[in-house]
Amino acid sequence: MRADISFTGDLLCYQTMTEKLNQNYDFCFKRANKLKNCDWLVGNLETPIANEELKYTFERYCFNSPVSFIEAMKRCGFNLLTLANNHAMDRDEQGILNTLENCHKAGFDTVGMYATKEERNTIYVKEIKGIKVAFVNYTYGVNSFAHKRFFKHKHMVNMFQPEETIKGSIHLLNSNEQIGEDLERVYFSGSDELETVTPYLEQLESDIKRAKEQADYVVMVMHSGGQYNDEVDPYSRFIAQKIKEYGADIIIGHHPHIIQRSVIDNGYLTTFSLGNLLDDPILVGEKPIDHTFNAVLHLTLCKDDGGNITASRQFSIYKVIVTDGMPQIIDSFDLYKEHPDEKLKEDILFFANRFADTYTITSVKERYDI
């Protein structure tokens, strides 16, 4: 038995995109048909789909996008949407309920966000080509520090820690130095804040262990980190280590919006950030590192007659380009075939080596081993 699963980075839908595209989001995806070349395609939807009455995005970092956005994603081949991320509460709890309803109507499976306690307590396991794969999805926060919205129903989004500003939470927009100090204070200094965060870690551990009991392979989709940070912050490294200890088989990371270095430890793969599969390069503007390149991870699982699972990993480098003033996703290999200039080659290889955390990749390819 063999199952091919691909994971993309964050999918964002800015106000400018909705205005420029007139909801014709197929334009963004029409050059990304190779994403369909797998049995199961997973993407992180980093916007509520909460209906027009809750107002479509009108602020830069507080989102709500039309149903037509996810309908275009469905036509592109996406099967599973991970929803536990820092924008989950951008339209409060009603936005969560509306998002779930719209995603399910559009034909998606979802994980990380839930309407009921019963749903939250049910491990999501998908049998893909005869292999049972569990997907667990958690986020570090939901931007409560900005919009001042806090959960009335804690089951609605899987959280590594309390909402920002609540006792025990660590704010990941701080410097890595400050995050390190906060991590030491909360988890290692004997502070009573540890009592606040312990139930979150216990739930995470329970979910992963129950997933191990029900599935052949457990994927942890982790939403954590500082935005546009070249280096992985101490909290994300800490929580990734916990996830590994609890028994997940692989960690897929989102949120920093750029490609970060992966870690392979005795064959165990932690990807801290795949980057943004889709955003608006014109709006985001200049950043310390180019945010238009992103990684798509291809996971191949094989199950032998004895039930043993082997996993191999490859990745592709994709890029967001601007065509007629609008963003489009394209495999960088295809882009390089069209425009084989030296600067593009240097950029592709830089991000391929960065993601794999090696400095040995020297040619532009469709897929790289990791």
Protein backbone atom coordinates (compact mmCIF):
# COMPACT_ATOMS: atom_id res chain seq x y z
CA MET A 1 0.00 0.00 0.00
CA ARG A 2 1.18 3.51 -0.79
CA ALA A 3 -0.26 6.93 0.03
CA ASP A 4 1.07 10.23 -1.32
CA ILE A 5 0.21 13.28 0.80
CA SER A 6 1.27 16.84 0.05
CA PHE A 7 1.29 19.80 2.43
CA THR A 8 1.33 23.44 1.39
CA GLY A 9 2.06 26.57 3.35
CA ASP A 10 -0.36 29.27 4.49
CA LEU A 11 -3.18 30.34 2.18
CA LEU A 12 -4.02 34.00 2.73
CA CYS A 13 -6.61 36.17 1.05
CA TYR A 14 -5.98 39.89 1.45
CA GLN A 15 -8.55 42.60 0.82
CA THR A 16 -6.59 43.71 -2.24
CA MET A 17 -6.90 40.24 -3.76
CA THR A 18 -10.66 40.17 -3.34
CA GLU A 19 -10.98 43.62 -4.88
CA LYS A 20 -8.60 43.03 -7.79
CA LEU A 21 -9.82 39.54 -8.66
CA ASN A 22 -13.55 40.22 -8.27
CA GLN A 23 -13.70 36.85 -6.48
CA ASN A 24 -12.19 35.05 -9.48
CA TYR A 25 -9.64 33.24 -7.33
CA ASP A 26 -9.14 30.50 -9.91
CA PHE A 27 -6.68 32.93 -11.48
CA CYS A 28 -4.39 32.46 -8.45
CA PHE A 29 -4.35 28.67 -8.77
CA LYS A 30 -4.55 28.00 -12.51
CA ARG A 31 -0.76 27.48 -12.87
CA ALA A 32 -0.58 25.23 -9.79
CA ASN A 33 -2.17 22.11 -11.30
CA LYS A 34 0.75 19.92 -10.19
CA LEU A 35 -0.51 20.26 -6.62
CA LYS A 36 -3.12 17.68 -7.60
CA ASN A 37 -0.42 15.05 -8.13
CA CYS A 38 -1.05 13.31 -4.82
CA ASP A 39 -3.73 11.29 -3.06
CA TRP A 40 -4.43 13.88 -0.36
CA LEU A 41 -3.64 17.61 -0.44
CA VAL A 42 -3.49 19.55 2.82
CA GLY A 43 -3.40 23.34 3.18
CA ASN A 44 -3.52 25.80 6.06
CA LEU A 45 -6.47 28.15 5.50
CA GLU A 46 -5.43 31.35 7.26
CA THR A 47 -8.68 33.25 6.95
CA PRO A 48 -12.23 32.74 8.20
CA ILE A 49 -14.87 32.03 5.56
CA ALA A 50 -17.56 33.60 7.70
CA ASN A 51 -20.09 35.07 5.19
CA GLU A 52 -20.57 38.59 3.91
CA GLU A 53 -22.79 39.70 6.79
CA LEU A 54 -19.75 39.56 9.08
CA LYS A 55 -17.96 41.83 6.58
CA TYR A 56 -15.26 40.69 4.24
CA THR A 57 -11.71 41.74 5.07
CA PHE A 58 -11.48 45.49 5.51
CA GLU A 59 -8.42 45.62 7.80
CA ARG A 60 -4.94 44.49 6.91
CA TYR A 61 -4.54 41.63 9.38
CA CYS A 62 -8.09 40.74 10.43
CA PHE A 63 -9.58 38.48 7.80
CA ASN A 64 -12.86 37.18 6.41
CA SER A 65 -12.96 35.92 2.84
CA PRO A 66 -15.69 34.85 0.38
CA VAL A 67 -16.75 31.25 -0.09
CA SER A 68 -15.49 31.54 -3.67
CA PHE A 69 -11.92 31.53 -2.29
CA ILE A 70 -12.21 28.00 -0.90
CA GLU A 71 -14.24 26.87 -3.91
CA ALA A 72 -11.23 27.77 -6.07
CA MET A 73 -9.00 25.85 -3.65
CA LYS A 74 -11.26 22.83 -4.03
CA ARG A 75 -10.95 22.98 -7.80
CA CYS A 76 -7.17 23.19 -7.35
CA GLY A 77 -7.27 19.83 -5.57
CA PHE A 78 -7.22 20.55 -1.83
CA ASN A 79 -8.85 17.92 0.39
CA LEU A 80 -8.09 18.84 4.01
CA LEU A 81 -7.92 22.31 5.53
CA THR A 82 -6.14 22.92 8.82
CA LEU A 83 -7.94 25.71 10.67
CA ALA A 84 -6.16 26.14 14.01
CA ASN A 85 -4.24 29.36 13.40
CA ASN A 86 -3.94 32.88 14.73
CA HIS A 87 -6.77 34.18 12.50
CA ALA A 88 -9.34 31.64 13.72
CA MET A 89 -11.14 34.23 15.90
CA ASP A 90 -11.00 37.17 13.47
CA ARG A 91 -14.83 37.06 13.31
CA ASP A 92 -15.34 35.69 16.82
CA GLU A 93 -17.01 32.36 17.59
CA GLN A 94 -19.80 32.92 15.05
CA GLY A 95 -17.09 33.22 12.44
CA ILE A 96 -15.78 29.82 13.49
CA LEU A 97 -19.20 28.21 13.10
CA ASN A 98 -19.75 29.86 9.72
CA THR A 99 -16.27 28.85 8.52
CA LEU A 100 -16.83 25.22 9.45
CA GLU A 101 -20.20 25.15 7.75
CA ASN A 102 -18.86 26.73 4.56
CA CYS A 103 -15.79 24.48 4.41
CA HIS A 104 -17.89 21.35 4.81
CA LYS A 105 -20.44 22.54 2.22
CA ALA A 106 -17.55 23.07 -0.21
CA GLY A 107 -16.50 19.45 0.30
CA PHE A 108 -13.50 19.85 2.61
CA ASP A 109 -12.45 17.86 5.61
CA THR A 110 -11.25 20.11 8.44
CA VAL A 111 -9.18 19.78 11.59
CA GLY A 112 -8.12 22.10 14.42
CA MET A 113 -11.43 24.02 14.70
CA TYR A 114 -14.68 22.56 16.06
CA ALA A 115 -18.34 23.38 16.60
CA THR A 116 -18.87 20.99 19.53
CA LYS A 117 -16.90 19.33 22.33
CA GLU A 118 -17.71 15.95 20.84
CA GLU A 119 -16.10 16.93 17.54
CA ARG A 120 -13.04 18.31 19.32
CA ASN A 121 -12.61 15.11 21.26
CA THR A 122 -12.77 12.98 18.11
CA ILE A 123 -9.40 12.31 16.51
CA TYR A 124 -9.45 12.99 12.78
CA VAL A 125 -8.22 9.85 11.00
CA LYS A 126 -8.33 9.49 7.23
CA GLU A 127 -7.74 6.21 5.44
CA ILE A 128 -5.70 7.08 2.36
CA LYS A 129 -5.05 4.20 -0.05
CA GLY A 130 -5.41 1.71 2.79
CA ILE A 131 -3.20 3.60 5.27
CA LYS A 132 -4.80 5.25 8.30
CA VAL A 133 -3.33 8.72 8.84
CA ALA A 134 -4.23 10.91 11.82
CA PHE A 135 -3.94 14.69 11.49
CA VAL A 136 -3.67 16.82 14.64
CA ASN A 137 -3.64 20.63 14.37
CA TYR A 138 -2.87 23.24 17.06
CA THR A 139 -2.05 26.96 17.18
CA TYR A 140 -0.03 29.11 19.59
CA GLY A 141 -2.73 31.83 19.68
CA VAL A 142 -5.65 33.59 18.01
CA ASN A 143 -4.56 37.27 17.99
CA SER A 144 -6.52 38.09 21.15
CA PHE A 145 -3.95 40.76 22.00
CA ALA A 146 -5.14 42.70 18.93
CA HIS A 147 -8.89 42.17 18.56
CA LYS A 148 -9.61 41.52 22.29
CA ARG A 149 -11.76 38.48 21.57
CA PHE A 150 -11.50 35.53 23.95
CA PHE A 151 -13.13 32.11 23.89
CA LYS A 152 -16.42 31.49 25.62
CA HIS A 153 -16.17 27.89 24.41
CA LYS A 154 -12.62 26.60 24.80
CA HIS A 155 -13.23 23.55 22.63
CA MET A 156 -13.55 25.58 19.43
CA VAL A 157 -9.83 25.83 18.53
CA ASN A 158 -6.91 23.64 19.59
CA MET A 159 -4.42 25.79 21.51
CA PHE A 160 -0.89 25.10 22.75
CA GLN A 161 -1.34 27.78 25.44
CA PRO A 162 -3.93 30.35 26.64
CA GLU A 163 -4.92 33.23 24.39
CA GLU A 164 -2.41 36.07 24.24
CA THR A 165 -2.43 38.40 27.30
CA ILE A 166 -3.82 35.64 29.55
CA LYS A 167 -1.56 34.39 32.33
CA GLY A 168 0.87 31.76 31.04
CA SER A 169 0.78 32.79 27.39
CA ILE A 170 3.95 33.69 25.51
CA HIS A 171 3.69 36.41 22.89
CA LEU A 172 5.48 35.26 19.74
CA LEU A 173 5.72 38.70 18.15
CA ASN A 174 8.39 39.54 20.73
CA SER A 175 12.10 39.11 20.01
CA ASN A 176 13.57 35.63 20.23
CA GLU A 177 15.51 36.80 23.29
CA GLN A 178 12.32 37.88 25.03
CA ILE A 179 10.53 34.69 24.01
CA GLY A 180 13.40 32.69 25.51
CA GLU A 181 13.13 34.60 28.80
CA ASP A 182 9.36 34.11 28.89
CA LEU A 183 9.73 30.41 28.15
CA GLU A 184 12.16 30.02 31.03
CA ARG A 185 9.85 31.93 33.39
CA VAL A 186 6.64 30.07 32.52
CA TYR A 187 7.91 26.49 32.12
CA PHE A 188 11.15 26.12 34.07
CA SER A 189 11.31 28.61 36.97
CA GLY A 190 8.69 27.14 39.27
CA SER A 191 6.23 29.92 38.44
CA ASP A 192 2.54 29.35 39.14
CA GLU A 193 2.00 30.14 35.45
CA LEU A 194 2.93 26.51 34.78
CA GLU A 195 -0.37 25.48 36.37
CA THR A 196 -2.18 27.56 33.75
CA VAL A 197 -0.45 26.02 30.74
CA THR A 198 -0.23 22.41 31.95
CA PRO A 199 -3.81 21.51 30.91
CA TYR A 200 -2.99 22.65 27.36
CA LEU A 201 0.05 20.37 27.19
CA GLU A 202 -1.95 17.51 28.72
CA GLN A 203 -4.63 17.86 26.05
CA LEU A 204 -1.96 17.94 23.32
CA GLU A 205 -0.33 14.82 24.72
CA SER A 206 -3.67 13.04 25.01
CA ASP A 207 -4.64 13.87 21.44
CA ILE A 208 -1.37 12.61 20.00
CA LYS A 209 -1.43 9.41 22.05
CA ARG A 210 -5.04 8.69 21.07
CA ALA A 211 -4.10 9.36 17.46
CA LYS A 212 -1.26 6.82 17.74
CA GLU A 213 -3.75 4.22 18.96
CA GLN A 214 -6.14 4.81 16.05
CA ALA A 215 -3.82 5.39 13.09
CA ASP A 216 -0.79 3.96 11.30
CA TYR A 217 0.87 7.38 11.13
CA VAL A 218 0.36 10.67 13.00
CA VAL A 219 0.89 14.08 11.38
CA MET A 220 1.12 17.11 13.65
CA VAL A 221 0.32 20.41 11.91
CA MET A 222 1.83 23.11 14.13
CA HIS A 223 0.96 26.81 13.83
CA SER A 224 3.66 28.63 15.75
CA GLY A 225 6.46 31.15 15.42
CA GLY A 226 7.27 34.78 14.81
CA GLN A 227 6.31 36.39 11.52
CA TYR A 228 9.13 36.76 8.97
CA ASN A 229 11.72 35.57 11.51
CA ASP A 230 14.73 33.98 9.81
CA GLU A 231 15.47 31.88 12.88
CA VAL A 232 13.07 29.58 14.72
CA ASP A 233 12.08 31.01 18.10
CA PRO A 234 12.70 29.17 21.40
CA TYR A 235 9.00 28.53 22.11
CA SER A 236 8.40 26.83 18.77
CA ARG A 237 11.46 24.64 19.32
CA PHE A 238 10.16 23.79 22.81
CA ILE A 239 6.67 22.87 21.65
CA ALA A 240 8.04 20.86 18.70
CA GLN A 241 10.16 18.83 21.12
CA LYS A 242 7.07 18.13 23.23
CA ILE A 243 5.15 17.01 20.14
CA LYS A 244 7.96 14.64 19.25
CA GLU A 245 8.10 13.27 22.80
CA TYR A 246 4.35 12.70 22.79
CA GLY A 247 4.67 10.49 19.72
CA ALA A 248 3.72 12.33 16.51
CA ASP A 249 5.55 10.90 13.49
CA ILE A 250 6.18 14.20 11.67
CA ILE A 251 5.70 17.93 12.32
CA ILE A 252 4.45 20.28 9.61
CA GLY A 253 4.96 23.93 10.59
CA HIS A 254 3.13 27.10 9.58
CA HIS A 255 2.81 30.80 10.45
CA PRO A 256 6.19 32.60 10.03
CA HIS A 257 5.20 33.32 6.38
CA ILE A 258 8.68 32.55 5.08
CA ILE A 259 10.61 29.33 4.62
CA GLN A 260 12.51 28.39 7.77
CA ARG A 261 15.13 25.71 8.24
CA SER A 262 13.83 22.21 8.91
CA VAL A 263 15.39 19.86 11.44
CA ILE A 264 16.10 16.17 10.84
CA ASP A 265 17.06 14.36 14.03
CA ASN A 266 17.78 10.65 13.59
CA GLY A 267 15.36 10.58 10.67
CA TYR A 268 12.64 12.57 12.46
CA LEU A 269 11.51 15.56 10.39
CA THR A 270 10.33 18.84 11.86
CA THR A 271 9.43 21.53 9.36
CA PHE A 272 8.93 24.80 11.22
CA SER A 273 7.57 26.83 8.32
CA LEU A 274 6.67 26.06 4.73
CA GLY A 275 6.03 29.75 4.03
CA ASN A 276 3.01 31.23 2.25
CA LEU A 277 1.62 29.27 -0.66
CA LEU A 278 -0.52 32.30 -1.52
CA ASP A 279 -0.40 35.93 -0.48
CA ASP A 280 -0.28 39.31 -2.21
CA PRO A 281 3.38 40.26 -2.80
CA ILE A 282 2.50 43.84 -3.70
CA LEU A 283 0.69 44.44 -0.40
CA VAL A 284 3.25 42.76 1.83
CA GLY A 285 6.13 44.71 0.31
CA GLU A 286 9.77 44.44 1.31
CA LYS A 287 10.68 41.96 4.04
CA PRO A 288 14.05 40.86 5.48
CA ILE A 289 13.82 37.69 3.40
CA ASP A 290 11.87 37.03 0.21
CA HIS A 291 8.42 35.77 1.22
CA THR A 292 7.30 34.86 -2.32
CA PHE A 293 9.10 31.48 -2.24
CA ASN A 294 7.50 28.61 -0.33
CA ALA A 295 7.87 24.88 0.12
CA VAL A 296 5.39 22.10 -0.62
CA LEU A 297 6.21 18.94 1.31
CA HIS A 298 5.47 15.58 -0.35
CA LEU A 299 5.11 12.69 2.11
CA THR A 300 4.99 9.13 0.78
CA LEU A 301 3.83 6.42 3.18
CA CYS A 302 4.24 2.73 2.37
CA LYS A 303 2.67 -0.10 4.37
CA ASP A 304 3.94 -3.65 3.99
CA ASP A 305 2.03 -6.90 4.54
CA GLY A 306 3.09 -6.89 8.18
CA GLY A 307 1.58 -3.47 8.79
CA ASN A 308 4.93 -1.70 9.03
CA ILE A 309 5.05 1.90 7.79
CA THR A 310 7.97 3.52 6.00
CA ALA A 311 7.98 7.20 5.14
CA SER A 312 9.94 9.10 2.53
CA ARG A 313 9.91 12.88 2.08
CA GLN A 314 10.48 15.20 -0.81
CA PHE A 315 9.67 18.84 -1.38
CA SER A 316 9.13 21.33 -4.17
CA ILE A 317 9.78 25.05 -4.15
CA TYR A 318 6.86 27.16 -5.31
CA LYS A 319 6.71 30.90 -5.89
CA VAL A 320 4.03 33.58 -5.85
CA ILE A 321 4.42 35.73 -8.95
CA VAL A 322 2.50 38.81 -10.03
CA THR A 323 0.66 38.48 -13.35
CA ASP A 324 -1.40 41.40 -14.61
CA GLY A 325 -1.12 42.90 -11.14
CA MET A 326 -2.52 39.79 -9.43
CA PRO A 327 -0.84 36.94 -7.49
CA GLN A 328 -0.37 33.50 -9.01
CA ILE A 329 1.15 30.31 -7.65
CA ILE A 330 3.67 28.46 -9.81
CA ASP A 331 6.16 25.65 -9.31
CA SER A 332 9.58 27.33 -9.41
CA PHE A 333 10.87 24.54 -11.67
CA ASP A 334 8.27 25.49 -14.28
CA LEU A 335 9.06 29.16 -13.82
CA TYR A 336 12.77 28.50 -14.31
CA LYS A 337 12.08 26.54 -17.51
CA GLU A 338 10.28 29.63 -18.81
CA HIS A 339 12.87 32.12 -17.53
CA PRO A 340 16.23 30.37 -16.95
CA ASP A 341 18.06 33.38 -15.57
CA GLU A 342 20.87 33.11 -13.04
CA LYS A 343 19.25 35.25 -10.32
CA LEU A 344 16.12 33.10 -10.26
CA LYS A 345 18.26 29.96 -10.07
CA GLU A 346 20.21 31.40 -7.13
CA ASP A 347 16.99 32.24 -5.31
CA ILE A 348 15.42 28.83 -5.87
CA LEU A 349 18.54 27.01 -4.67
CA PHE A 350 18.89 29.33 -1.68
CA PHE A 351 15.41 28.44 -0.45
CA ALA A 352 15.73 24.77 -1.30
CA ASN A 353 18.91 24.56 0.75
CA ARG A 354 17.39 26.66 3.49
CA PHE A 355 14.33 24.43 3.82
CA ALA A 356 16.38 21.23 3.79
CA ASP A 357 18.98 22.83 6.07
CA THR A 358 21.78 21.72 3.76
CA TYR A 359 24.07 23.45 1.34
CA THR A 360 24.40 20.71 -1.25
CA ILE A 361 21.50 21.31 -3.67
CA THR A 362 23.00 22.71 -6.85
CA SER A 363 20.42 22.23 -9.61
CA VAL A 364 16.82 23.35 -10.06
CA LYS A 365 14.51 20.31 -9.84
CA GLU A 366 10.79 19.56 -9.54
CA ARG A 367 11.41 17.72 -6.26
CA TYR A 368 14.20 17.44 -3.72
CA ASP A 369 14.76 14.72 -1.14
CA ILE A 370 14.71 15.66 2.52
